[in-house]
Amino acid sequence: KVDPVYISLAQLQYELAVSGCTTILLRAWNTPILSRTCDWDATLSPLVVNATFVQNGVPIATSPTFIGMTGFITATSLTHGYTVSLNHRPLHGKTLHSEKEITAALKARWGHAYNDILKKDKAPIATLIRKVVLESSYSEAVKILQETPLLAPAYFILASKKEGAVITRGSEASESSIEVLPPAPWSFLVMTNHDRDSYQDEDSISRREAAISVASTIQSVLNPPTPLPARTGVKRTAIKLKLLQLASLPPVLSADDTAYYSFSSPGWDSHFVKRRRMD
């Protein structure tokens, strides 16, 4: 029997954690794809399940989630054809290193979240993503994720069949900015865990640089863009394998933190999840 208190705390994993993730949003030909590693804690990998949510016998969403967690940190709306992923954004855009800094930040983060939970005026982020994915279109999701007050700062990365965007959020709705995936074929955006125009952290930078390198390689190999060839399936597989390889090696792969890797392309109707294999 599990104490309900622990179940409740599981829904606030994001707000209570200091974690890292690496996400690539890449326009392959004219279709956005989203590739990401979830670096919450490698020991959570056995708890990862790739869940499909069904309504009236019809699948409406999929999400790689953790047993006991009802919210989503990565999810695809099958009804509306888009994917959302969540990357950790530190308080004030700063990534912390010392135990003292991390402890102080967690106390501050939990203190803010606890007060906001009591006031019931801000949303737990994983719960918000679940509600958005199950109920909203892509354009509605972008608006909601930009405007809803949150318990903690966050980065939201979205990919639909034609569009993509990275939303940088503070706790308040006024602390929001959006970077849209350019319409040019083979354009890309990369998000790790720091604000690129302010504070920078060595681990986050190294993961970002590795991801940019792979995305640039894919871009250079397949540019200039051409109409989809007969061997499109082969090229799509090559892209997937290249992104999976990135996620399977340091610095993007973390021995201590990586729980799973996910790939999603609503336009290709292609989604898969790979759990971290524990030795």
Protein backbone atom coordinates (compact mmCIF):
# COMPACT_ATOMS: atom_id res chain seq x y z
CA LYS A 1 0.00 0.00 0.00
CA VAL A 2 1.32 3.43 -0.97
CA ASP A 3 0.71 6.44 1.24
CA PRO A 4 -1.50 8.96 -0.65
CA VAL A 5 0.93 11.70 0.39
CA TYR A 6 3.63 10.10 -1.76
CA ILE A 7 1.22 9.81 -4.68
CA SER A 8 0.43 13.51 -4.31
CA LEU A 9 4.12 14.44 -4.19
CA ALA A 10 4.75 12.36 -7.31
CA GLN A 11 2.58 14.80 -9.25
CA LEU A 12 5.01 17.58 -8.28
CA GLN A 13 8.18 15.83 -9.44
CA TYR A 14 9.06 18.67 -11.78
CA GLU A 15 8.53 21.39 -9.17
CA LEU A 16 10.60 19.48 -6.59
CA ALA A 17 13.45 18.44 -8.89
CA VAL A 18 16.70 19.82 -10.24
CA SER A 19 16.95 17.99 -13.55
CA GLY A 20 18.27 18.25 -17.09
CA CYS A 21 16.92 17.36 -20.51
CA THR A 22 18.07 17.78 -24.10
CA THR A 23 15.52 18.44 -26.84
CA ILE A 24 15.96 18.92 -30.59
CA LEU A 25 13.14 20.40 -32.66
CA LEU A 26 14.05 19.73 -36.30
CA ARG A 27 12.13 20.39 -39.50
CA ALA A 28 12.81 17.33 -41.68
CA TRP A 29 11.77 18.27 -45.19
CA ASN A 30 8.64 20.22 -44.18
CA THR A 31 7.68 18.19 -41.11
CA PRO A 32 8.76 19.01 -37.53
CA ILE A 33 10.17 16.21 -35.41
CA LEU A 34 10.91 16.30 -31.69
CA SER A 35 13.76 14.27 -30.20
CA ARG A 36 14.48 14.38 -26.48
CA THR A 37 16.18 12.73 -23.52
CA CYS A 38 14.53 12.89 -20.11
CA ASP A 39 17.20 13.35 -17.44
CA TRP A 40 15.26 13.14 -14.21
CA ASP A 41 17.05 10.22 -12.57
CA ALA A 42 18.36 7.05 -14.20
CA THR A 43 16.99 4.96 -11.33
CA LEU A 44 13.48 5.94 -12.47
CA SER A 45 13.94 4.14 -15.79
CA PRO A 46 12.29 0.86 -14.63
CA LEU A 47 9.20 2.92 -13.76
CA VAL A 48 8.82 4.33 -17.28
CA VAL A 49 5.72 3.18 -19.16
CA ASN A 50 4.67 4.30 -22.63
CA ALA A 51 0.99 4.83 -21.93
CA THR A 52 -1.81 5.19 -24.48
CA PHE A 53 -4.92 7.05 -23.37
CA VAL A 54 -8.24 5.91 -24.84
CA GLN A 55 -11.61 7.63 -24.92
CA ASN A 56 -14.72 5.78 -26.11
CA GLY A 57 -12.47 3.07 -27.54
CA VAL A 58 -10.37 5.56 -29.55
CA PRO A 59 -6.69 6.35 -28.70
CA ILE A 60 -6.42 10.09 -28.07
CA ALA A 61 -2.90 10.50 -26.63
CA THR A 62 0.36 8.76 -25.79
CA SER A 63 2.89 9.62 -23.11
CA PRO A 64 6.09 8.09 -21.73
CA THR A 65 5.42 8.60 -18.04
CA PHE A 66 6.38 7.18 -14.66
CA ILE A 67 4.27 4.72 -12.69
CA GLY A 68 2.39 6.72 -10.08
CA MET A 69 2.57 10.00 -11.98
CA THR A 70 -0.68 11.16 -13.55
CA GLY A 71 0.72 14.25 -15.28
CA PHE A 72 2.74 14.40 -18.52
CA ILE A 73 6.25 15.72 -19.15
CA THR A 74 6.37 14.35 -22.71
CA ALA A 75 3.15 13.60 -24.58
CA THR A 76 1.52 13.42 -28.00
CA SER A 77 -2.04 14.40 -28.81
CA LEU A 78 -3.23 11.84 -31.36
CA THR A 79 -6.51 13.74 -31.72
CA HIS A 80 -4.92 17.06 -32.65
CA GLY A 81 -1.57 15.90 -34.05
CA TYR A 82 1.13 17.54 -31.93
CA THR A 83 3.73 16.69 -29.28
CA VAL A 84 4.74 18.62 -26.14
CA SER A 85 7.85 18.11 -24.04
CA LEU A 86 9.01 19.82 -20.86
CA ASN A 87 12.57 20.87 -20.10
CA HIS A 88 13.70 21.99 -16.67
CA ARG A 89 14.31 25.74 -16.37
CA PRO A 90 16.19 26.71 -13.21
CA LEU A 91 15.05 29.58 -11.02
CA HIS A 92 16.09 32.84 -12.66
CA GLY A 93 17.59 30.90 -15.57
CA LYS A 94 20.55 29.79 -13.43
CA THR A 95 21.89 26.24 -13.25
CA LEU A 96 23.33 25.51 -9.81
CA HIS A 97 26.34 23.40 -8.89
CA SER A 98 27.19 23.27 -5.19
CA GLU A 99 25.13 21.30 -2.69
CA LYS A 100 24.49 24.52 -0.78
CA GLU A 101 23.18 26.28 -3.89
CA ILE A 102 20.97 23.36 -4.87
CA THR A 103 19.55 22.97 -1.34
CA ALA A 104 18.77 26.69 -1.13
CA ALA A 105 17.17 26.67 -4.58
CA LEU A 106 15.01 23.64 -3.78
CA LYS A 107 13.81 25.26 -0.56
CA ALA A 108 12.97 28.45 -2.46
CA ARG A 109 11.36 26.52 -5.31
CA TRP A 110 9.28 24.37 -2.95
CA GLY A 111 8.45 27.38 -0.78
CA HIS A 112 7.03 29.26 -3.77
CA ALA A 113 5.19 26.15 -5.01
CA TYR A 114 3.76 25.33 -1.57
CA ASN A 115 2.38 28.84 -1.13
CA ASP A 116 0.91 28.80 -4.63
CA ILE A 117 -0.66 25.37 -4.07
CA LEU A 118 -2.36 26.69 -0.93
CA LYS A 119 -3.65 29.70 -2.85
CA LYS A 120 -4.69 27.40 -5.74
CA ASP A 121 -3.84 30.09 -8.28
CA LYS A 122 -1.06 28.31 -10.20
CA ALA A 123 -0.93 25.03 -12.07
CA PRO A 124 1.34 22.02 -11.43
CA ILE A 125 3.14 21.82 -14.76
CA ALA A 126 2.79 18.09 -15.52
CA THR A 127 -0.93 18.29 -14.73
CA LEU A 128 -1.29 21.31 -17.04
CA ILE A 129 0.44 19.49 -19.92
CA ARG A 130 -1.89 16.50 -19.48
CA LYS A 131 -4.97 18.74 -19.60
CA VAL A 132 -3.66 20.58 -22.68
CA VAL A 133 -2.76 17.42 -24.61
CA LEU A 134 -6.07 15.71 -23.87
CA GLU A 135 -8.28 18.71 -24.62
CA SER A 136 -6.62 21.35 -26.81
CA SER A 137 -5.52 21.98 -30.38
CA TYR A 138 -1.93 23.01 -31.19
CA SER A 139 -2.74 26.74 -31.34
CA GLU A 140 -4.75 26.50 -28.12
CA ALA A 141 -1.88 24.63 -26.44
CA VAL A 142 0.62 27.34 -27.39
CA LYS A 143 -1.64 30.03 -25.94
CA ILE A 144 -2.39 28.12 -22.72
CA LEU A 145 1.26 27.25 -22.08
CA GLN A 146 2.23 30.89 -22.61
CA GLU A 147 -0.47 32.39 -20.41
CA THR A 148 -1.19 30.01 -17.50
CA PRO A 149 0.52 30.94 -14.20
CA LEU A 150 2.87 28.10 -13.17
CA LEU A 151 4.31 26.72 -9.95
CA ALA A 152 7.84 26.94 -11.39
CA PRO A 153 9.74 28.21 -14.45
CA ALA A 154 9.84 25.89 -17.46
CA TYR A 155 10.68 25.39 -21.12
CA PHE A 156 7.93 23.91 -23.32
CA ILE A 157 8.85 22.48 -26.72
CA LEU A 158 6.04 21.75 -29.19
CA ALA A 159 5.87 20.10 -32.61
CA SER A 160 2.78 19.73 -34.79
CA LYS A 161 2.49 18.36 -38.32
CA LYS A 162 3.56 21.74 -39.76
CA GLU A 163 4.67 23.99 -36.89
CA GLY A 164 7.00 24.00 -33.93
CA ALA A 165 7.99 26.33 -31.10
CA VAL A 166 10.00 26.72 -27.90
CA ILE A 167 8.27 28.59 -25.07
CA THR A 168 10.36 29.98 -22.21
CA ARG A 169 8.29 30.54 -19.10
CA GLY A 170 8.59 32.09 -15.69
CA SER A 171 6.03 31.43 -13.00
CA GLU A 172 3.92 34.42 -14.01
CA ALA A 173 2.13 34.76 -17.33
CA SER A 174 4.00 38.01 -17.96
CA GLU A 175 7.30 36.08 -17.92
CA SER A 176 6.85 34.37 -21.27
CA SER A 177 8.62 34.35 -24.62
CA ILE A 178 8.33 32.15 -27.70
CA GLU A 179 10.75 31.13 -30.46
CA VAL A 180 9.05 29.67 -33.51
CA LEU A 181 10.68 26.94 -35.63
CA PRO A 182 11.57 28.65 -38.94
CA PRO A 183 9.61 27.45 -41.98
CA ALA A 184 12.75 26.68 -44.00
CA PRO A 185 13.42 22.94 -44.54
CA TRP A 186 16.07 21.53 -42.15
CA SER A 187 15.82 24.44 -39.74
CA PHE A 188 16.14 23.45 -36.09
CA LEU A 189 15.99 24.68 -32.49
CA VAL A 190 17.81 23.08 -29.55
CA MET A 191 16.86 23.45 -25.89
CA THR A 192 18.71 22.15 -22.86
CA ASN A 193 18.53 23.80 -19.42
CA HIS A 194 19.77 27.36 -19.52
CA ASP A 195 18.63 30.68 -20.90
CA ARG A 196 20.89 31.18 -23.89
CA ASP A 197 20.99 34.96 -23.54
CA SER A 198 21.83 35.05 -19.84
CA TYR A 199 23.39 32.55 -17.43
CA GLN A 200 25.19 29.57 -18.94
CA ASP A 201 26.15 26.24 -17.41
CA GLU A 202 28.92 23.93 -18.64
CA ASP A 203 26.92 20.69 -18.67
CA SER A 204 23.92 22.32 -20.32
CA ILE A 205 26.18 24.01 -22.88
CA SER A 206 28.02 20.76 -23.73
CA ARG A 207 24.71 18.94 -24.31
CA ARG A 208 23.42 21.83 -26.39
CA GLU A 209 26.59 21.91 -28.53
CA ALA A 210 26.43 18.14 -29.13
CA ALA A 211 22.78 18.40 -30.17
CA ILE A 212 23.48 21.34 -32.49
CA SER A 213 26.31 19.38 -34.09
CA VAL A 214 24.06 16.40 -34.88
CA ALA A 215 21.21 18.60 -36.13
CA SER A 216 23.68 20.49 -38.34
CA THR A 217 25.02 17.21 -39.72
CA ILE A 218 21.52 16.05 -40.62
CA GLN A 219 20.86 19.45 -42.16
CA SER A 220 24.02 19.42 -44.29
CA VAL A 221 23.60 15.84 -45.50
CA LEU A 222 20.03 16.34 -46.67
CA ASN A 223 20.28 19.90 -47.98
CA PRO A 224 19.43 21.29 -50.49
CA PRO A 225 15.87 20.07 -49.93
CA THR A 226 14.36 17.90 -52.61
CA PRO A 227 10.89 16.41 -53.12
CA LEU A 228 10.35 13.30 -51.03
CA PRO A 229 12.22 10.53 -52.89
CA ALA A 230 11.19 6.91 -53.29
CA ARG A 231 13.60 6.00 -50.51
CA THR A 232 12.05 8.44 -48.03
CA GLY A 233 11.56 5.64 -45.50
CA VAL A 234 15.28 4.86 -45.58
CA LYS A 235 16.19 8.50 -45.01
CA ARG A 236 13.67 8.86 -42.20
CA THR A 237 15.18 5.81 -40.52
CA ALA A 238 18.66 7.29 -40.91
CA ILE A 239 17.51 10.51 -39.20
CA LYS A 240 15.96 8.55 -36.33
CA LEU A 241 19.11 6.48 -35.87
CA LYS A 242 21.31 9.59 -35.88
CA LEU A 243 19.18 11.22 -33.20
CA LEU A 244 19.08 8.00 -31.16
CA GLN A 245 22.86 7.75 -31.40
CA LEU A 246 23.14 11.30 -30.02
CA ALA A 247 20.93 10.32 -27.09
CA SER A 248 22.95 7.15 -26.44
CA LEU A 249 26.32 8.81 -25.89
CA PRO A 250 27.76 11.38 -23.45
CA PRO A 251 27.33 14.25 -22.90
CA VAL A 252 23.64 13.95 -23.82
CA LEU A 253 23.43 10.54 -22.18
CA SER A 254 23.96 10.91 -18.44
CA ALA A 255 24.99 7.85 -16.43
CA ASP A 256 23.21 9.21 -13.37
CA ASP A 257 20.22 11.02 -14.79
CA THR A 258 18.90 9.79 -18.15
CA ALA A 259 15.64 7.86 -17.67
CA TYR A 260 14.41 7.60 -21.27
CA TYR A 261 14.67 8.84 -24.85
CA SER A 262 11.67 9.70 -26.99
CA PHE A 263 11.14 10.55 -30.66
CA SER A 264 7.95 11.99 -32.09
CA SER A 265 6.86 13.22 -35.50
CA PRO A 266 3.10 13.80 -35.75
CA GLY A 267 3.50 14.49 -39.47
CA TRP A 268 5.16 11.11 -40.02
CA ASP A 269 2.77 9.46 -37.55
CA SER A 270 5.89 8.10 -35.90
CA HIS A 271 6.47 7.91 -32.14
CA PHE A 272 8.73 5.71 -30.04
CA VAL A 273 10.28 5.59 -26.58
CA LYS A 274 13.46 3.89 -25.43
CA ARG A 275 13.92 3.30 -21.73
CA ARG A 276 17.38 3.64 -20.25
CA ARG A 277 18.77 0.14 -19.84
CA MET A 278 20.15 -0.28 -16.35
CA ASP A 279 23.22 -2.44 -15.75
